[in-house]
Amino acid sequence: MREHQQYLIEREKIDYFIDRGYRINGITENLSGAFIEFILKDVKSDEISNETLHIQTADGRKYFSALLLKQIQSVT
């Protein structure tokens, strides 16, 4: 699979979580890519959902980095 196609798939997965209200809670990077930990807290029930996504492309890492910066700026 071409790298651009892989990036589009990764971007779609990231957007899926963001669109459902998940926030980036942590990132672990290693030689095989980056692992993004998403967290969703249900205000009504105080239930917390965690999801992890493996990002392998450089463009995918740039994409979630931009989203993380936007997330941080919206908090401050």
Protein backbone atom coordinates (compact mmCIF):
# COMPACT_ATOMS: atom_id res chain seq x y z
CA MET A 1 0.00 0.00 0.00
CA ARG A 2 1.29 3.40 -0.85
CA GLU A 3 2.25 5.66 2.02
CA HIS A 4 -0.29 8.33 1.07
CA GLN A 5 -3.11 5.77 1.11
CA GLN A 6 -1.93 4.56 4.53
CA TYR A 7 -1.93 8.15 5.77
CA LEU A 8 -5.51 8.68 4.56
CA ILE A 9 -6.61 5.59 6.47
CA GLU A 10 -4.82 6.79 9.62
CA ARG A 11 -6.32 10.28 9.31
CA GLU A 12 -9.78 8.78 8.95
CA LYS A 13 -9.29 6.71 12.12
CA ILE A 14 -8.03 9.74 14.08
CA ASP A 15 -10.97 11.83 12.87
CA TYR A 16 -13.36 9.04 13.86
CA PHE A 17 -12.31 9.32 17.52
CA ILE A 18 -12.12 13.13 17.54
CA ASP A 19 -15.59 13.42 15.96
CA ARG A 20 -17.03 11.22 18.72
CA GLY A 21 -15.68 13.47 21.46
CA TYR A 22 -12.48 11.63 22.37
CA ARG A 23 -9.48 13.70 23.42
CA ILE A 24 -5.83 12.84 23.04
CA ASN A 25 -4.62 11.77 26.47
CA GLY A 26 -1.13 10.49 25.75
CA ILE A 27 1.35 9.62 23.03
CA THR A 28 4.07 7.01 23.03
CA GLU A 29 6.54 7.03 20.16
CA ASN A 30 9.01 4.34 19.24
CA LEU A 31 10.70 2.95 16.13
CA SER A 32 7.47 1.42 14.85
CA GLY A 33 5.52 4.69 14.95
CA ALA A 34 3.35 6.42 17.51
CA PHE A 35 0.63 5.10 19.76
CA ILE A 36 -2.08 7.65 20.55
CA GLU A 37 -4.18 7.11 23.64
CA PHE A 38 -7.65 8.59 23.32
CA ILE A 39 -9.94 9.11 26.30
CA LEU A 40 -13.65 9.83 26.47
CA LYS A 41 -15.32 10.70 29.76
CA ASP A 42 -19.08 10.35 29.98
CA VAL A 43 -20.24 13.28 32.10
CA LYS A 44 -23.52 11.62 33.12
CA SER A 45 -22.15 8.28 34.30
CA ASP A 46 -18.49 9.21 34.97
CA GLU A 47 -17.55 6.25 32.77
CA ILE A 48 -14.21 6.56 31.00
CA SER A 49 -13.44 4.91 27.66
CA ASN A 50 -9.87 4.45 26.45
CA GLU A 51 -8.80 3.65 22.92
CA THR A 52 -5.32 3.31 21.43
CA LEU A 53 -4.41 3.89 17.81
CA HIS A 54 -1.11 2.98 16.12
CA ILE A 55 0.11 5.60 13.63
CA GLN A 56 2.97 4.58 11.34
CA THR A 57 3.28 7.32 8.73
CA ALA A 58 5.13 10.61 9.17
CA ASP A 59 2.14 12.52 7.78
CA GLY A 60 -0.12 10.79 10.29
CA ARG A 61 2.15 11.88 13.13
CA LYS A 62 2.16 15.46 11.82
CA TYR A 63 -1.64 15.37 11.59
CA PHE A 64 -2.26 14.26 15.17
CA SER A 65 0.41 16.70 16.40
CA ALA A 66 -1.53 19.58 14.86
CA LEU A 67 -4.73 18.30 16.46
CA LEU A 68 -2.99 18.00 19.82
CA LEU A 69 -1.76 21.59 19.61
CA LYS A 70 -5.29 22.75 18.79
CA GLN A 71 -6.61 20.71 21.73
CA ILE A 72 -4.09 22.27 24.11
CA GLN A 73 -4.83 25.80 22.87
CA SER A 74 -8.57 25.30 23.39
CA VAL A 75 -7.99 24.41 27.07
CA THR A 76 -5.90 27.47 27.89
